[in-house]
Amino acid sequence: MSAKDEFIQIYQQNISRPGADKLLNYLCSETCDFFTAPSSTRFHGSYEGGLVEHSINVYHCLKDYLERERVKQQYNINCSDETIAVVSLLHDLCKINFYSVDFRNAKNADGKKADVYSLAKTLWIVLTGVDHGFEGRYEEDDAIIGLRNDKRYKKEHLVELEELLKQATEYDPSLRPSMETFVTTLEKWLEVVSNFQKSNYSEWKYLQNRLFPKTVPLHAEWRDIDSIIKILNDIGSMSGLNHMFLPTGGGQDVESAKYANEEGCICLVAGGCNYIFKPYRLELENYGKRDYRWSYFRLQLEPIEPISNAIYEEKPLW
């Protein structure tokens, strides 16, 4: 049994608290390096896969220690199997996406890929004004380092730029672009930014690929509230795609979505206003390559019972 398989087995057998399945899905996702990362750079587990092996070792050591009679009787320590698994298996999650493979005095090393990595980090520092940079690979969804989460870039086209930052900070140097490709991609981004049709099409393709990594359907629908909130936030992050038409006329630009205080409801922020609604389903009608400009999302709502029978009429302010 591999270290990854053993970790998953112990995790699933012992950890069942709310959100445990979502955390495990993240640990197994392509955006997380938990099962391949080292545990350190020079000491324990300083090799590929060292982090998960170290976590499993801590689990077994802690479990064995707590099973000793002296520990139970003299120190009166009695922990549930779930507590033991949580504090040991997950104690080093802070090291996820922290370490990067790079070159330092290595024989036959290609230092140019390290330069690309450094250039990407420097570009991010210039754009954000944060002088200490960030650790690991760039992730556009990261609430701290993602440019799309920076208010200064909310209305900017970022697709090609963010993809470049991600590629240039890959943990495996062989996956990073050459310096020539880095420059060419930057030039392409500047060209797309200055052309509304190109930037609009680029954002639509990016959103489609996020939703459907393999095959893009002509029709799709979502009914669970988590998926609907995520998609609305994706739409809100795209300045060329986020205009919403209201059924009563007019429209607003979608900014973000979150759970409302009301049960089963969503709070949609658009045009500086908060819209509280209970979703029925979110649909996508996709015209694909025929003419993507006619593709659209449609949000259908459930009726909400009024909290009062009172009727409030608008009155003039003066």
Protein backbone atom coordinates (compact mmCIF):
# COMPACT_ATOMS: atom_id res chain seq x y z
CA MET A 1 0.00 0.00 0.00
CA SER A 2 1.35 3.41 -0.96
CA ALA A 3 1.63 6.23 1.56
CA LYS A 4 -1.19 8.05 -0.22
CA ASP A 5 -3.50 5.04 -0.02
CA GLU A 6 -2.68 4.50 3.65
CA PHE A 7 -3.36 8.15 4.45
CA ILE A 8 -6.73 8.07 2.68
CA GLN A 9 -7.68 4.80 4.40
CA ILE A 10 -6.87 6.13 7.89
CA TYR A 11 -8.60 9.42 7.09
CA GLN A 12 -11.83 7.84 5.86
CA GLN A 13 -11.98 5.31 8.70
CA ASN A 14 -11.57 7.90 11.45
CA ILE A 15 -12.55 11.39 10.30
CA SER A 16 -16.24 11.99 9.63
CA ARG A 17 -16.94 15.49 10.93
CA PRO A 18 -18.74 17.98 8.61
CA GLY A 19 -16.50 19.09 5.76
CA ALA A 20 -14.12 16.12 6.02
CA ASP A 21 -15.03 14.87 2.54
CA LYS A 22 -14.45 18.29 1.00
CA LEU A 23 -11.02 18.58 2.63
CA LEU A 24 -10.02 15.13 1.38
CA ASN A 25 -11.21 16.03 -2.13
CA TYR A 26 -8.96 19.10 -2.00
CA LEU A 27 -5.98 17.09 -0.76
CA CYS A 28 -6.44 14.72 -3.72
CA SER A 29 -6.99 17.49 -6.28
CA GLU A 30 -4.52 18.68 -8.91
CA THR A 31 -4.21 22.07 -7.20
CA CYS A 32 -2.81 20.48 -4.02
CA ASP A 33 0.66 18.90 -3.69
CA PHE A 34 0.11 17.26 -0.29
CA PHE A 35 0.92 13.75 -1.55
CA THR A 36 4.04 14.78 -3.48
CA ALA A 37 5.48 17.60 -1.37
CA PRO A 38 8.49 17.14 0.92
CA SER A 39 8.14 17.58 4.65
CA SER A 40 11.17 19.87 4.81
CA THR A 41 14.03 21.06 2.62
CA ARG A 42 16.96 19.65 4.60
CA PHE A 43 15.79 17.48 7.47
CA HIS A 44 12.92 15.00 8.01
CA GLY A 45 11.14 13.87 4.86
CA SER A 46 13.17 16.10 2.55
CA TYR A 47 12.15 14.20 -0.58
CA GLU A 48 9.14 13.85 -2.85
CA GLY A 49 6.23 12.38 -0.89
CA GLY A 50 7.93 13.12 2.43
CA LEU A 51 5.03 15.20 3.76
CA VAL A 52 2.43 12.44 3.61
CA GLU A 53 4.89 9.86 4.99
CA HIS A 54 5.76 12.17 7.89
CA SER A 55 2.06 12.74 8.62
CA ILE A 56 1.38 9.00 8.73
CA ASN A 57 4.41 8.44 11.00
CA VAL A 58 3.14 11.08 13.42
CA TYR A 59 -0.27 9.36 13.43
CA HIS A 60 1.18 5.95 14.34
CA CYS A 61 3.50 7.43 16.98
CA LEU A 62 0.71 9.41 18.62
CA LYS A 63 -1.69 6.47 18.54
CA ASP A 64 0.88 4.14 20.12
CA TYR A 65 1.75 6.69 22.78
CA LEU A 66 -1.88 7.28 23.79
CA GLU A 67 -2.49 3.53 24.10
CA ARG A 68 0.06 3.20 26.90
CA GLU A 69 -1.52 2.44 30.27
CA ARG A 70 0.61 5.00 32.05
CA VAL A 71 -0.61 7.76 29.75
CA LYS A 72 -4.22 6.78 30.35
CA GLN A 73 -3.93 6.32 34.12
CA GLN A 74 -1.37 8.89 35.24
CA TYR A 75 -2.16 11.67 32.78
CA ASN A 76 -5.81 10.79 32.24
CA ILE A 77 -5.52 11.39 28.50
CA ASN A 78 -8.34 9.82 26.55
CA CYS A 79 -8.84 10.97 22.97
CA SER A 80 -11.27 9.80 20.31
CA ASP A 81 -9.95 8.09 17.18
CA GLU A 82 -11.11 11.09 15.17
CA THR A 83 -9.19 13.54 17.36
CA ILE A 84 -6.02 11.46 17.05
CA ALA A 85 -6.36 11.31 13.26
CA VAL A 86 -7.09 15.03 12.88
CA VAL A 87 -4.22 16.36 15.01
CA SER A 88 -1.66 13.99 13.52
CA LEU A 89 -2.58 13.51 9.87
CA LEU A 90 -3.41 17.17 9.36
CA HIS A 91 -0.85 18.92 11.56
CA ASP A 92 1.32 20.01 8.61
CA LEU A 93 -1.30 21.18 6.12
CA CYS A 94 0.37 24.59 6.21
CA LYS A 95 3.14 23.09 4.04
CA ILE A 96 0.78 22.44 1.12
CA ASN A 97 1.95 24.29 -2.02
CA PHE A 98 4.79 25.77 0.03
CA TYR A 99 7.92 24.17 -1.39
CA SER A 100 9.11 24.52 -4.97
CA VAL A 101 11.58 22.38 -6.93
CA ASP A 102 14.41 24.61 -8.08
CA PHE A 103 18.08 24.67 -8.93
CA ARG A 104 20.90 25.55 -6.60
CA ASN A 105 24.45 24.54 -7.52
CA ALA A 106 23.05 21.48 -9.29
CA LYS A 107 25.08 19.77 -12.00
CA ASN A 108 23.66 20.26 -15.52
CA ALA A 109 20.84 22.42 -14.12
CA ASP A 110 19.00 24.82 -16.43
CA GLY A 111 19.15 28.07 -14.47
CA LYS A 112 16.91 29.81 -17.02
CA LYS A 113 13.83 28.09 -15.61
CA ALA A 114 14.73 29.46 -12.17
CA ASP A 115 14.96 32.91 -13.76
CA VAL A 116 11.46 32.49 -15.20
CA TYR A 117 10.19 31.55 -11.74
CA SER A 118 11.81 34.64 -10.22
CA LEU A 119 10.53 36.89 -13.00
CA ALA A 120 6.95 35.72 -12.44
CA LYS A 121 7.23 36.45 -8.72
CA THR A 122 8.74 39.86 -9.46
CA LEU A 123 5.95 40.69 -11.91
CA TRP A 124 3.38 39.81 -9.25
CA ILE A 125 5.16 42.07 -6.74
CA VAL A 126 5.10 44.96 -9.24
CA LEU A 127 1.37 44.46 -9.91
CA THR A 128 0.32 44.12 -6.27
CA GLY A 129 2.84 46.34 -4.50
CA VAL A 130 3.39 43.57 -1.91
CA ASP A 131 7.16 43.47 -1.48
CA HIS A 132 7.48 40.04 0.15
CA GLY A 133 6.02 38.02 -2.73
CA PHE A 134 4.27 34.68 -2.17
CA GLU A 135 5.28 31.06 -1.59
CA GLY A 136 4.75 28.22 -4.04
CA ARG A 137 2.71 28.23 -7.24
CA TYR A 138 0.41 31.06 -8.24
CA GLU A 139 -3.29 30.25 -7.92
CA GLU A 140 -5.87 32.68 -9.31
CA ASP A 141 -8.51 31.51 -6.82
CA ASP A 142 -6.33 32.18 -3.79
CA ALA A 143 -8.01 34.90 -1.71
CA ILE A 144 -4.63 36.44 -0.83
CA ILE A 145 -2.48 36.23 -3.96
CA GLY A 146 -5.09 35.97 -6.77
CA LEU A 147 -5.11 39.15 -8.85
CA ARG A 148 -8.82 38.69 -9.60
CA ASN A 149 -9.45 39.18 -5.87
CA ASP A 150 -7.62 42.52 -5.88
CA LYS A 151 -10.11 45.41 -6.17
CA ARG A 152 -7.71 47.27 -8.45
CA TYR A 153 -8.02 44.55 -11.09
CA LYS A 154 -11.72 43.66 -10.76
CA LYS A 155 -12.50 45.15 -14.18
CA GLU A 156 -9.31 44.05 -15.93
CA HIS A 157 -8.87 41.13 -18.31
CA LEU A 158 -6.49 38.70 -16.57
CA VAL A 159 -6.89 35.30 -18.24
CA GLU A 160 -3.59 35.07 -20.15
CA LEU A 161 -1.65 36.88 -17.43
CA GLU A 162 -2.82 34.60 -14.62
CA GLU A 163 -2.24 31.48 -16.69
CA LEU A 164 1.31 32.69 -17.35
CA LEU A 165 1.95 33.33 -13.64
CA LYS A 166 0.69 29.84 -12.83
CA GLN A 167 2.82 28.13 -15.49
CA ALA A 168 5.94 30.13 -14.61
CA THR A 169 5.72 29.15 -10.92
CA GLU A 170 5.11 25.42 -11.44
CA TYR A 171 6.87 23.26 -8.85
CA ASP A 172 8.48 21.18 -11.59
CA PRO A 173 10.91 23.46 -13.49
CA SER A 174 10.46 21.42 -16.68
CA LEU A 175 6.82 22.56 -16.83
CA ARG A 176 7.71 26.25 -16.77
CA PRO A 177 7.81 28.19 -20.05
CA SER A 178 11.03 29.46 -21.58
CA MET A 179 11.92 33.12 -21.22
CA GLU A 180 10.98 33.65 -24.89
CA THR A 181 7.55 32.10 -24.35
CA PHE A 182 7.10 34.18 -21.21
CA VAL A 183 7.66 37.40 -23.18
CA THR A 184 5.47 36.25 -26.10
CA THR A 185 2.61 35.39 -23.75
CA LEU A 186 2.85 38.79 -22.07
CA GLU A 187 2.67 40.47 -25.48
CA LYS A 188 -0.35 38.34 -26.39
CA TRP A 189 -2.07 39.35 -23.16
CA LEU A 190 -1.51 43.05 -23.91
CA GLU A 191 -2.94 42.54 -27.39
CA VAL A 192 -6.04 40.76 -26.06
CA VAL A 193 -6.58 43.38 -23.36
CA SER A 194 -6.83 46.13 -25.97
CA ASN A 195 -9.45 44.27 -28.04
CA PHE A 196 -12.91 43.80 -26.49
CA GLN A 197 -13.97 40.96 -28.82
CA LYS A 198 -10.79 38.99 -28.14
CA SER A 199 -10.86 39.56 -24.39
CA ASN A 200 -14.56 38.67 -24.21
CA TYR A 201 -14.02 35.42 -26.12
CA SER A 202 -10.95 34.61 -24.00
CA GLU A 203 -12.92 35.02 -20.77
CA TRP A 204 -15.77 32.88 -22.08
CA LYS A 205 -13.40 30.06 -23.07
CA TYR A 206 -11.71 30.29 -19.67
CA LEU A 207 -15.03 30.06 -17.84
CA GLN A 208 -16.14 27.12 -20.00
CA ASN A 209 -12.91 25.25 -19.30
CA ARG A 210 -13.31 25.80 -15.55
CA LEU A 211 -16.82 24.39 -15.62
CA PHE A 212 -16.21 21.62 -18.14
CA PRO A 213 -12.54 20.50 -18.27
CA LYS A 214 -13.20 17.76 -20.85
CA THR A 215 -16.28 18.33 -23.02
CA VAL A 216 -18.38 21.50 -23.20
CA PRO A 217 -22.12 20.67 -23.48
CA LEU A 218 -24.76 22.70 -25.31
CA HIS A 219 -26.95 22.66 -22.21
CA ALA A 220 -26.18 22.22 -18.52
CA GLU A 221 -27.90 22.93 -15.24
CA TRP A 222 -27.04 23.07 -11.56
CA ARG A 223 -29.41 22.79 -8.60
CA ASP A 224 -27.16 22.55 -5.53
CA ILE A 225 -26.53 25.88 -3.85
CA ASP A 226 -22.76 25.37 -3.48
CA SER A 227 -22.26 24.97 -7.23
CA ILE A 228 -24.53 27.93 -8.02
CA ILE A 229 -22.62 30.22 -5.65
CA LYS A 230 -19.28 29.12 -7.09
CA ILE A 231 -20.39 29.74 -10.68
CA LEU A 232 -21.89 33.13 -9.84
CA ASN A 233 -18.58 34.12 -8.25
CA ASP A 234 -16.72 32.94 -11.36
CA ILE A 235 -19.05 35.04 -13.51
CA GLY A 236 -18.60 38.02 -11.19
CA SER A 237 -14.82 37.85 -11.62
CA MET A 238 -15.13 38.31 -15.40
CA SER A 239 -15.68 41.97 -16.29
CA GLY A 240 -16.76 41.09 -19.83
CA LEU A 241 -19.31 38.43 -18.81
CA ASN A 242 -20.89 39.64 -15.59
CA HIS A 243 -23.81 41.77 -16.79
CA MET A 244 -27.15 40.49 -15.50
CA PHE A 245 -30.56 41.29 -16.96
CA LEU A 246 -33.41 41.56 -14.44
CA PRO A 247 -36.86 40.10 -15.25
CA THR A 248 -38.54 43.43 -14.52
CA GLY A 249 -36.23 45.36 -16.83
CA GLY A 250 -32.79 46.87 -16.62
CA GLY A 251 -29.71 45.11 -15.34
CA GLN A 252 -26.71 45.11 -13.02
CA ASP A 253 -23.13 43.87 -13.05
CA VAL A 254 -22.70 40.76 -10.90
CA GLU A 255 -19.92 41.20 -8.32
CA SER A 256 -20.08 38.24 -5.94
CA ALA A 257 -22.36 35.68 -4.29
CA LYS A 258 -22.49 34.11 -0.83
CA TYR A 259 -24.84 32.31 1.51
CA ALA A 260 -27.61 34.56 2.83
CA ASN A 261 -28.70 34.49 6.45
CA GLU A 262 -32.05 33.17 5.26
CA GLU A 263 -32.11 29.36 5.03
CA GLY A 264 -31.46 28.00 1.53
CA CYS A 265 -30.97 31.47 0.10
CA ILE A 266 -28.17 33.28 -1.71
CA CYS A 267 -27.08 36.88 -1.33
CA LEU A 268 -26.04 38.17 -4.76
CA VAL A 269 -24.08 41.42 -4.80
CA ALA A 270 -24.67 43.30 -8.05
CA GLY A 271 -24.32 46.98 -8.82
CA GLY A 272 -23.75 47.72 -5.15
CA CYS A 273 -27.08 46.11 -4.18
CA ASN A 274 -27.79 42.89 -2.29
CA TYR A 275 -30.32 40.54 -3.89
CA ILE A 276 -31.65 37.81 -1.59
CA PHE A 277 -33.22 34.86 -3.39
CA LYS A 278 -33.82 31.13 -3.14
CA PRO A 279 -32.40 29.39 -6.23
CA TYR A 280 -34.28 26.69 -8.11
CA ARG A 281 -31.64 26.02 -10.75
CA LEU A 282 -28.95 27.69 -12.82
CA GLU A 283 -28.96 26.83 -16.51
CA LEU A 284 -26.43 27.29 -19.30
CA GLU A 285 -27.52 27.53 -22.92
CA ASN A 286 -24.39 27.25 -25.01
CA TYR A 287 -24.16 28.00 -28.71
CA GLY A 288 -20.55 26.82 -28.77
CA LYS A 289 -18.42 27.65 -31.78
CA ARG A 290 -21.45 28.68 -33.84
CA ASP A 291 -21.54 32.02 -32.05
CA TYR A 292 -20.52 32.11 -28.40
CA ARG A 293 -21.91 35.66 -28.08
CA TRP A 294 -25.43 34.23 -27.85
CA SER A 295 -24.59 31.82 -25.03
CA TYR A 296 -26.05 32.71 -21.65
CA PHE A 297 -26.81 31.62 -18.10
CA ARG A 298 -30.37 31.71 -16.77
CA LEU A 299 -31.10 31.68 -13.05
CA GLN A 300 -34.52 30.40 -11.99
CA LEU A 301 -35.80 31.12 -8.49
CA GLU A 302 -38.10 29.49 -5.95
CA PRO A 303 -40.92 31.57 -4.47
CA ILE A 304 -40.21 32.93 -1.00
CA GLU A 305 -42.97 33.29 1.56
CA PRO A 306 -43.33 36.88 2.84
CA ILE A 307 -42.44 37.40 6.50
CA SER A 308 -45.39 39.73 6.95
CA ASN A 309 -48.79 40.46 5.44
CA ALA A 310 -48.08 44.17 5.58
CA ILE A 311 -47.75 46.00 2.27
CA TYR A 312 -45.23 48.81 2.06
CA GLU A 313 -45.83 51.42 -0.58
CA GLU A 314 -43.15 53.73 -1.86
CA LYS A 315 -43.64 57.29 -0.67
CA PRO A 316 -41.91 60.44 -1.89
CA LEU A 317 -39.03 61.59 0.28
CA TRP A 318 -40.45 65.11 0.37
